[in-house]
């Protein structure tokens, strides 16, 4: 493949990784922050869940978020490999 094709593939994969993975990651982190704030508020009010009970309001990533983050990671890896191929062929 010509080196410019590798560069184009690297750029497209990087943009795809950014567009797919970052919104899912931000959604997950904002929900985690909200859950943590809710736990802190309940602890401040004296209604916190006991640490040993195993029950937490945190639920982790949803299936769609996990899938989008994995797709973003795969696209980012493809971008890195394409960039290495660009440098190797040019």
PDB file of N, CA and C in Angstrom:
ATOM      1  N   UNK A   1       0.844  -1.181   0.000  1.00  0.00           N
ATOM      2  CA  UNK A   1       0.000   0.000   0.000  1.00  0.00           C
ATOM      3  C   UNK A   1       0.886   1.240   0.000  1.00  0.00           C
ATOM      4  N   UNK A   2       0.473   2.226  -0.714  1.00  0.00           N
ATOM      5  CA  UNK A   2       1.229   3.482  -0.660  1.00  0.00           C
ATOM      6  C   UNK A   2       1.180   4.085   0.751  1.00  0.00           C
ATOM      7  N   UNK A   3       2.202   4.814   1.061  1.00  0.00           N
ATOM      8  CA  UNK A   3       2.310   5.338   2.424  1.00  0.00           C
ATOM      9  C   UNK A   3       1.186   6.306   2.777  1.00  0.00           C
ATOM     10  N   UNK A   4       0.680   7.045   1.804  1.00  0.00           N
ATOM     11  CA  UNK A   4      -0.409   7.982   2.108  1.00  0.00           C
ATOM     12  C   UNK A   4      -1.711   7.276   2.462  1.00  0.00           C
ATOM     13  N   UNK A   5      -1.896   6.077   1.928  1.00  0.00           N
ATOM     14  CA  UNK A   5      -3.076   5.289   2.294  1.00  0.00           C
ATOM     15  C   UNK A   5      -2.988   4.878   3.765  1.00  0.00           C
ATOM     16  N   UNK A   6      -1.786   4.487   4.204  1.00  0.00           N
ATOM     17  CA  UNK A   6      -1.597   4.153   5.614  1.00  0.00           C
ATOM     18  C   UNK A   6      -1.858   5.365   6.506  1.00  0.00           C
ATOM     19  N   UNK A   7      -1.393   6.528   6.067  1.00  0.00           N
ATOM     20  CA  UNK A   7      -1.629   7.740   6.850  1.00  0.00           C
ATOM     21  C   UNK A   7      -3.122   8.062   6.905  1.00  0.00           C
ATOM     22  N   UNK A   8      -3.806   7.933   5.785  1.00  0.00           N
ATOM     23  CA  UNK A   8      -5.252   8.176   5.767  1.00  0.00           C
ATOM     24  C   UNK A   8      -6.000   7.214   6.664  1.00  0.00           C
ATOM     25  N   UNK A   9      -5.590   5.949   6.641  1.00  0.00           N
ATOM     26  CA  UNK A   9      -6.214   4.950   7.503  1.00  0.00           C
ATOM     27  C   UNK A   9      -5.958   5.276   8.972  1.00  0.00           C
ATOM     28  N   UNK A  10      -4.750   5.717   9.281  1.00  0.00           N
ATOM     29  CA  UNK A  10      -4.420   6.072  10.667  1.00  0.00           C
ATOM     30  C   UNK A  10      -5.269   7.246  11.138  1.00  0.00           C
ATOM     31  N   UNK A  11      -5.426   8.246  10.300  1.00  0.00           N
ATOM     32  CA  UNK A  11      -6.228   9.418  10.675  1.00  0.00           C
ATOM     33  C   UNK A  11      -7.692   9.032  10.837  1.00  0.00           C
ATOM     34  N   UNK A  12      -8.216   8.248   9.885  1.00  0.00           N
ATOM     35  CA  UNK A  12      -9.623   7.837   9.961  1.00  0.00           C
ATOM     36  C   UNK A  12      -9.884   6.978  11.199  1.00  0.00           C
ATOM     37  N   UNK A  13      -8.983   6.067  11.510  1.00  0.00           N
ATOM     38  CA  UNK A  13      -9.158   5.213  12.683  1.00  0.00           C
ATOM     39  C   UNK A  13      -9.067   6.025  13.972  1.00  0.00           C
ATOM     40  N   UNK A  14      -8.168   7.000  14.007  1.00  0.00           N
ATOM     41  CA  UNK A  14      -8.044   7.843  15.201  1.00  0.00           C
ATOM     42  C   UNK A  14      -9.310   8.675  15.410  1.00  0.00           C
ATOM     43  N   UNK A  15      -9.845   9.226  14.342  1.00  0.00           N
ATOM     44  CA  UNK A  15     -11.084  10.005  14.452  1.00  0.00           C
ATOM     45  C   UNK A  15     -12.236   9.099  14.877  1.00  0.00           C
ATOM     46  N   UNK A  16     -12.291   7.894  14.304  1.00  0.00           N
ATOM     47  CA  UNK A  16     -13.336   6.945  14.692  1.00  0.00           C
ATOM     48  C   UNK A  16     -13.236   6.552  16.156  1.00  0.00           C
ATOM     49  N   UNK A  17     -12.021   6.318  16.631  1.00  0.00           N
ATOM     50  CA  UNK A  17     -11.825   5.966  18.041  1.00  0.00           C
ATOM     51  C   UNK A  17     -12.284   7.105  18.945  1.00  0.00           C
ATOM     52  N   UNK A  18     -11.976   8.313  18.546  1.00  0.00           N
ATOM     53  CA  UNK A  18     -12.380   9.486  19.322  1.00  0.00           C
ATOM     54  C   UNK A  18     -13.903   9.634  19.341  1.00  0.00           C
ATOM     55  N   UNK A  19     -14.522   9.446  18.180  1.00  0.00           N
ATOM     56  CA  UNK A  19     -15.967   9.649  18.060  1.00  0.00           C
ATOM     57  C   UNK A  19     -16.780   8.546  18.752  1.00  0.00           C
ATOM     58  N   UNK A  20     -16.242   7.340  18.810  1.00  0.00           N
ATOM     59  CA  UNK A  20     -16.982   6.222  19.394  1.00  0.00           C
ATOM     60  C   UNK A  20     -16.651   6.046  20.876  1.00  0.00           C
ATOM     61  N   UNK A  21     -15.390   6.050  21.207  1.00  0.00           N
ATOM     62  CA  UNK A  21     -14.971   5.709  22.565  1.00  0.00           C
ATOM     63  C   UNK A  21     -15.128   6.810  23.587  1.00  0.00           C
ATOM     64  N   UNK A  22     -14.822   8.032  23.205  1.00  0.00           N
ATOM     65  CA  UNK A  22     -14.826   9.116  24.183  1.00  0.00           C
ATOM     66  C   UNK A  22     -16.210   9.438  24.751  1.00  0.00           C
ATOM     67  N   UNK A  23     -17.266   9.509  23.943  1.00  0.00           N
ATOM     68  CA  UNK A  23     -18.586   9.764  24.550  1.00  0.00           C
ATOM     69  C   UNK A  23     -19.019   8.671  25.524  1.00  0.00           C
ATOM     70  N   UNK A  24     -18.708   7.416  25.208  1.00  0.00           N
ATOM     71  CA  UNK A  24     -19.069   6.325  26.115  1.00  0.00           C
ATOM     72  C   UNK A  24     -18.289   6.433  27.420  1.00  0.00           C
ATOM     73  N   UNK A  25     -17.014   6.758  27.317  1.00  0.00           N
ATOM     74  CA  UNK A  25     -16.187   6.894  28.523  1.00  0.00           C
ATOM     75  C   UNK A  25     -16.668   8.068  29.378  1.00  0.00           C
ATOM     76  N   UNK A  26     -16.992   9.183  28.756  1.00  0.00           N
ATOM     77  CA  UNK A  26     -17.480  10.350  29.502  1.00  0.00           C
ATOM     78  C   UNK A  26     -18.809  10.059  30.182  1.00  0.00           C
ATOM     79  N   UNK A  27     -19.685   9.341  29.502  1.00  0.00           N
ATOM     80  CA  UNK A  27     -20.972   8.974  30.082  1.00  0.00           C
ATOM     81  C   UNK A  27     -20.771   8.106  31.324  1.00  0.00           C
ATOM     82  N   UNK A  28     -19.903   7.133  31.216  1.00  0.00           N
ATOM     83  CA  UNK A  28     -19.608   6.254  32.342  1.00  0.00           C
ATOM     84  C   UNK A  28     -19.027   7.037  33.519  1.00  0.00           C
ATOM     85  N   UNK A  29     -18.054   7.898  33.243  1.00  0.00           N
ATOM     86  CA  UNK A  29     -17.412   8.663  34.321  1.00  0.00           C
ATOM     87  C   UNK A  29     -18.378   9.649  34.975  1.00  0.00           C
ATOM     88  N   UNK A  30     -19.254  10.279  34.196  1.00  0.00           N
ATOM     89  CA  UNK A  30     -20.193  11.226  34.791  1.00  0.00           C
ATOM     90  C   UNK A  30     -21.201  10.491  35.669  1.00  0.00           C
ATOM     91  N   UNK A  31     -21.630   9.300  35.255  1.00  0.00           N
ATOM     92  CA  UNK A  31     -22.547   8.530  36.088  1.00  0.00           C
ATOM     93  C   UNK A  31     -21.856   8.074  37.371  1.00  0.00           C
ATOM     94  N   UNK A  32     -20.598   7.669  37.278  1.00  0.00           N
ATOM     95  CA  UNK A  32     -19.846   7.282  38.471  1.00  0.00           C
ATOM     96  C   UNK A  32     -19.710   8.459  39.437  1.00  0.00           C
ATOM     97  N   UNK A  33     -19.460   9.640  38.893  1.00  0.00           N
ATOM     98  CA  UNK A  33     -19.340  10.835  39.734  1.00  0.00           C
ATOM     99  C   UNK A  33     -20.660  11.140  40.423  1.00  0.00           C
ATOM    100  N   UNK A  34     -21.765  11.047  39.672  1.00  0.00           N
ATOM    101  CA  UNK A  34     -23.085  11.286  40.262  1.00  0.00           C
ATOM    102  C   UNK A  34     -23.372  10.285  41.366  1.00  0.00           C
ATOM    103  N   UNK A  35     -23.044   9.002  41.126  1.00  0.00           N
ATOM    104  CA  UNK A  35     -23.281   7.976  42.134  1.00  0.00           C
ATOM    105  C   UNK A  35     -22.447   8.229  43.378  1.00  0.00           C
ATOM    106  N   UNK A  36     -21.197   8.652  43.184  1.00  0.00           N
ATOM    107  CA  UNK A  36     -20.335   8.939  44.321  1.00  0.00           C
ATOM    108  C   UNK A  36     -20.872  10.124  45.109  1.00  0.00           C
ATOM    109  N   UNK A  37     -21.341  11.146  44.401  1.00  0.00           N
ATOM    110  CA  UNK A  37     -21.913  12.301  45.091  1.00  0.00           C
ATOM    111  C   UNK A  37     -23.165  11.910  45.871  1.00  0.00           C
ATOM    112  N   UNK A  38     -23.982  11.026  45.316  1.00  0.00           N
ATOM    113  CA  UNK A  38     -25.180  10.564  46.022  1.00  0.00           C
ATOM    114  C   UNK A  38     -24.789   9.785  47.274  1.00  0.00           C
ATOM    115  N   UNK A  39     -23.766   8.935  47.170  1.00  0.00           N
ATOM    116  CA  UNK A  39     -23.305   8.193  48.346  1.00  0.00           C
ATOM    117  C   UNK A  39     -22.772   9.135  49.418  1.00  0.00           C
ATOM    118  N   UNK A  40     -22.036  10.157  49.019  1.00  0.00           N
ATOM    119  CA  UNK A  40     -21.509  11.127  49.989  1.00  0.00           C
ATOM    120  C   UNK A  40     -22.644  11.886  50.668  1.00  0.00           C
ATOM    121  N   UNK A  41     -23.664  12.254  49.885  1.00  0.00           N
ATOM    122  CA  UNK A  41     -24.797  12.974  50.459  1.00  0.00           C
ATOM    123  C   UNK A  41     -25.526  12.092  51.470  1.00  0.00           C
ATOM    124  N   UNK A  42     -25.759  10.835  51.100  1.00  0.00           N
ATOM    125  CA  UNK A  42     -26.441   9.939  52.030  1.00  0.00           C
ATOM    126  C   UNK A  42     -25.610   9.707  53.285  1.00  0.00           C
ATOM    127  N   UNK A  43     -24.305   9.625  53.147  1.00  0.00           N
ATOM    128  CA  UNK A  43     -23.445   9.470  54.323  1.00  0.00           C
ATOM    129  C   UNK A  43     -23.517  10.716  55.208  1.00  0.00           C
ATOM    130  N   UNK A  44     -23.575  11.868  54.595  1.00  0.00           N
ATOM    131  CA  UNK A  44     -23.674  13.109  55.349  1.00  0.00           C
ATOM    132  C   UNK A  44     -25.001  13.175  56.092  1.00  0.00           C
ATOM    133  N   UNK A  45     -26.077  12.654  55.504  1.00  0.00           N
ATOM    134  CA  UNK A  45     -27.398  12.641  56.134  1.00  0.00           C
ATOM    135  C   UNK A  45     -27.547  11.508  57.138  1.00  0.00           C
ATOM    136  N   UNK A  46     -26.555  10.624  57.214  1.00  0.00           N
ATOM    137  CA  UNK A  46     -26.618   9.521  58.158  1.00  0.00           C
ATOM    138  C   UNK A  46     -27.385   8.326  57.634  1.00  0.00           C
ATOM    139  N   UNK A  47     -27.630   8.262  56.346  1.00  0.00           N
ATOM    140  CA  UNK A  47     -28.383   7.152  55.757  1.00  0.00           C
ATOM    141  C   UNK A  47     -27.519   6.348  54.794  1.00  0.00           C
ATOM    142  N   UNK A  48     -26.242   6.303  55.052  1.00  0.00           N
ATOM    143  CA  UNK A  48     -25.325   5.623  54.137  1.00  0.00           C
ATOM    144  C   UNK A  48     -25.476   4.115  54.243  1.00  0.00           C
ATOM    145  N   UNK A  49     -25.160   3.444  53.151  1.00  0.00           N
ATOM    146  CA  UNK A  49     -25.143   1.986  53.133  1.00  0.00           C
ATOM    147  C   UNK A  49     -23.901   1.536  53.882  1.00  0.00           C
ATOM    148  N   UNK A  50     -24.049   0.548  54.708  1.00  0.00           N
ATOM    149  CA  UNK A  50     -22.910   0.045  55.483  1.00  0.00           C
ATOM    150  C   UNK A  50     -21.865  -0.556  54.550  1.00  0.00           C
ATOM    151  N   UNK A  51     -20.585  -0.310  54.832  1.00  0.00           N
ATOM    152  CA  UNK A  51     -19.531  -0.804  53.946  1.00  0.00           C
ATOM    153  C   UNK A  51     -19.512  -2.330  53.808  1.00  0.00           C
ATOM    154  N   UNK A  52     -19.878  -3.079  54.805  1.00  0.00           N
ATOM    155  CA  UNK A  52     -19.826  -4.527  54.753  1.00  0.00           C
ATOM    156  C   UNK A  52     -21.029  -5.182  54.110  1.00  0.00           C
ATOM    157  N   UNK A  53     -22.056  -4.407  53.790  1.00  0.00           N
ATOM    158  CA  UNK A  53     -23.279  -5.016  53.262  1.00  0.00           C
ATOM    159  C   UNK A  53     -23.152  -5.438  51.809  1.00  0.00           C
ATOM    160  N   UNK A  54     -22.184  -4.903  51.083  1.00  0.00           N
ATOM    161  CA  UNK A  54     -21.968  -5.283  49.696  1.00  0.00           C
ATOM    162  C   UNK A  54     -22.892  -4.580  48.723  1.00  0.00           C
ATOM    163  N   UNK A  55     -23.818  -3.818  49.210  1.00  0.00           N
ATOM    164  CA  UNK A  55     -24.740  -3.104  48.331  1.00  0.00           C
ATOM    165  C   UNK A  55     -24.183  -1.712  48.052  1.00  0.00           C
ATOM    166  N   UNK A  56     -24.064  -1.388  46.790  1.00  0.00           N
ATOM    167  CA  UNK A  56     -23.547  -0.096  46.387  1.00  0.00           C
ATOM    168  C   UNK A  56     -24.414   0.436  45.266  1.00  0.00           C
ATOM    169  N   UNK A  57     -24.503   1.750  45.170  1.00  0.00           N
ATOM    170  CA  UNK A  57     -25.309   2.335  44.106  1.00  0.00           C
ATOM    171  C   UNK A  57     -24.559   2.368  42.785  1.00  0.00           C
ATOM    172  N   UNK A  58     -23.287   2.026  42.792  1.00  0.00           N
ATOM    173  CA  UNK A  58     -22.507   2.022  41.554  1.00  0.00           C
ATOM    174  C   UNK A  58     -22.844   0.771  40.755  1.00  0.00           C
ATOM    175  N   UNK A  59     -23.065   0.950  39.486  1.00  0.00           N
ATOM    176  CA  UNK A  59     -23.455  -0.179  38.660  1.00  0.00           C
ATOM    177  C   UNK A  59     -22.442  -0.521  37.581  1.00  0.00           C
ATOM    178  N   UNK A  60     -21.434   0.303  37.360  1.00  0.00           N
ATOM    179  CA  UNK A  60     -20.434   0.026  36.338  1.00  0.00           C
ATOM    180  C   UNK A  60     -20.912   0.448  34.965  1.00  0.00           C
ATOM    181  N   UNK A  61     -20.191  -0.018  33.960  1.00  0.00           N
ATOM    182  CA  UNK A  61     -20.527   0.329  32.577  1.00  0.00           C
ATOM    183  C   UNK A  61     -21.731  -0.463  32.101  1.00  0.00           C
ATOM    184  N   UNK A  62     -22.530   0.177  31.269  1.00  0.00           N
ATOM    185  CA  UNK A  62     -23.605  -0.547  30.609  1.00  0.00           C
ATOM    186  C   UNK A  62     -23.001  -1.352  29.469  1.00  0.00           C
ATOM    187  N   UNK A  63     -23.781  -2.257  28.913  1.00  0.00           N
ATOM    188  CA  UNK A  63     -23.285  -3.080  27.807  1.00  0.00           C
ATOM    189  C   UNK A  63     -22.907  -2.251  26.599  1.00  0.00           C
ATOM    190  N   UNK A  64     -23.716  -1.254  26.294  1.00  0.00           N
ATOM    191  CA  UNK A  64     -23.433  -0.397  25.136  1.00  0.00           C
ATOM    192  C   UNK A  64     -22.166   0.433  25.360  1.00  0.00           C
ATOM    193  N   UNK A  65     -22.003   0.961  26.570  1.00  0.00           N
ATOM    194  CA  UNK A  65     -20.791   1.731  26.865  1.00  0.00           C
ATOM    195  C   UNK A  65     -19.551   0.842  26.765  1.00  0.00           C
ATOM    196  N   UNK A  66     -19.639  -0.343  27.321  1.00  0.00           N
ATOM    197  CA  UNK A  66     -18.499  -1.263  27.268  1.00  0.00           C
ATOM    198  C   UNK A  66     -18.149  -1.602  25.820  1.00  0.00           C
ATOM    199  N   UNK A  67     -19.180  -1.874  25.009  1.00  0.00           N
ATOM    200  CA  UNK A  67     -18.945  -2.209  23.602  1.00  0.00           C
ATOM    201  C   UNK A  67     -18.312  -1.032  22.874  1.00  0.00           C
ATOM    202  N   UNK A  68     -18.808   0.184  23.110  1.00  0.00           N
ATOM    203  CA  UNK A  68     -18.258   1.361  22.446  1.00  0.00           C
ATOM    204  C   UNK A  68     -16.827   1.645  22.882  1.00  0.00           C
ATOM    205  N   UNK A  69     -16.521   1.438  24.138  1.00  0.00           N
ATOM    206  CA  UNK A  69     -15.149   1.645  24.615  1.00  0.00           C
ATOM    207  C   UNK A  69     -14.213   0.612  23.986  1.00  0.00           C
ATOM    208  N   UNK A  70     -14.659  -0.637  23.886  1.00  0.00           N
ATOM    209  CA  UNK A  70     -13.828  -1.672  23.268  1.00  0.00           C
ATOM    210  C   UNK A  70     -13.612  -1.359  21.788  1.00  0.00           C
ATOM    211  N   UNK A  71     -14.652  -0.919  21.090  1.00  0.00           N
ATOM    212  CA  UNK A  71     -14.505  -0.544  19.680  1.00  0.00           C
ATOM    213  C   UNK A  71     -13.539   0.630  19.551  1.00  0.00           C
ATOM    214  N   UNK A  72     -13.631   1.597  20.471  1.00  0.00           N
ATOM    215  CA  UNK A  72     -12.702   2.726  20.459  1.00  0.00           C
ATOM    216  C   UNK A  72     -11.266   2.292  20.675  1.00  0.00           C
ATOM    217  N   UNK A  73     -11.052   1.337  21.564  1.00  0.00           N
ATOM    218  CA  UNK A  73      -9.704   0.834  21.823  1.00  0.00           C
ATOM    219  C   UNK A  73      -9.164   0.104  20.596  1.00  0.00           C
ATOM    220  N   UNK A  74     -10.015  -0.686  19.953  1.00  0.00           N
ATOM    221  CA  UNK A  74      -9.585  -1.407  18.750  1.00  0.00           C
ATOM    222  C   UNK A  74      -9.242  -0.423  17.636  1.00  0.00           C
ATOM    223  N   UNK A  75     -10.070   0.604  17.466  1.00  0.00           N
ATOM    224  CA  UNK A  75      -9.777   1.611  16.443  1.00  0.00           C
ATOM    225  C   UNK A  75      -8.499   2.381  16.759  1.00  0.00           C
ATOM    226  N   UNK A  76      -8.274   2.673  18.025  1.00  0.00           N
ATOM    227  CA  UNK A  76      -7.041   3.364  18.412  1.00  0.00           C
ATOM    228  C   UNK A  76      -5.821   2.491  18.132  1.00  0.00           C
ATOM    229  N   UNK A  77      -5.930   1.197  18.409  1.00  0.00           N
ATOM    230  CA  UNK A  77      -4.823   0.285  18.112  1.00  0.00           C
ATOM    231  C   UNK A  77      -4.579   0.208  16.604  1.00  0.00           C
ATOM    232  N   UNK A  78      -5.658   0.187  15.824  1.00  0.00           N
ATOM    233  CA  UNK A  78      -5.525   0.190  14.370  1.00  0.00           C
ATOM    234  C   UNK A  78      -4.843   1.469  13.894  1.00  0.00           C
ATOM    235  N   UNK A  79      -5.177   2.588  14.524  1.00  0.00           N
ATOM    236  CA  UNK A  79      -4.540   3.854  14.154  1.00  0.00           C
ATOM    237  C   UNK A  79      -3.045   3.816  14.438  1.00  0.00           C
ATOM    238  N   UNK A  80      -2.665   3.264  15.568  1.00  0.00           N
ATOM    239  CA  UNK A  80      -1.238   3.176  15.916  1.00  0.00           C
ATOM    240  C   UNK A  80      -0.500   2.261  14.940  1.00  0.00           C
ATOM    241  N   UNK A  81      -1.084   1.110  14.636  1.00  0.00           N
ATOM    242  CA  UNK A  81      -0.449   0.176  13.695  1.00  0.00           C
ATOM    243  C   UNK A  81      -0.338   0.815  12.312  1.00  0.00           C
ATOM    244  N   UNK A  82      -1.377   1.524  11.888  1.00  0.00           N
ATOM    245  CA  UNK A  82      -1.342   2.190  10.581  1.00  0.00           C
ATOM    246  C   UNK A  82      -0.289   3.289  10.560  1.00  0.00           C
ATOM    247  N   UNK A  83      -0.152   3.990  11.655  1.00  0.00           N
ATOM    248  CA  UNK A  83       0.866   5.046  11.721  1.00  0.00           C
ATOM    249  C   UNK A  83       2.270   4.449  11.651  1.00  0.00           C
ATOM    250  N   UNK A  84       2.472   3.323  12.337  1.00  0.00           N
ATOM    251  CA  UNK A  84       3.768   2.642  12.268  1.00  0.00           C
ATOM    252  C   UNK A  84       4.020   2.174  10.831  1.00  0.00           C
ATOM    253  N   UNK A  85       2.991   1.640  10.176  1.00  0.00           N
ATOM    254  CA  UNK A  85       3.146   1.199   8.787  1.00  0.00           C
ATOM    255  C   UNK A  85       3.436   2.372   7.875  1.00  0.00           C
ATOM    256  N   UNK A  86       2.830   3.529   8.154  1.00  0.00           N
ATOM    257  CA  UNK A  86       3.117   4.724   7.363  1.00  0.00           C
ATOM    258  C   UNK A  86       4.588   5.089   7.472  1.00  0.00           C
ATOM    259  N   UNK A  87       5.115   5.118   8.681  1.00  0.00           N
ATOM    260  CA  UNK A  87       6.518   5.468   8.865  1.00  0.00           C
ATOM    261  C   UNK A  87       7.456   4.418   8.264  1.00  0.00           C
ATOM    262  N   UNK A  88       7.024   3.147   8.311  1.00  0.00           N
ATOM    263  CA  UNK A  88       7.863   2.074   7.771  1.00  0.00           C
ATOM    264  C   UNK A  88       7.913   2.115   6.237  1.00  0.00           C
ATOM    265  N   UNK A  89       6.821   2.540   5.601  1.00  0.00           N
ATOM    266  CA  UNK A  89       6.780   2.537   4.147  1.00  0.00           C
ATOM    267  C   UNK A  89       7.226   3.849   3.527  1.00  0.00           C
ATOM    268  N   UNK A  90       7.348   4.877   4.320  1.00  0.00           N
ATOM    269  CA  UNK A  90       7.752   6.170   3.718  1.00  0.00           C
ATOM    270  C   UNK A  90       9.239   6.414   3.841  1.00  0.00           C
TER     271      UNK A  90
END
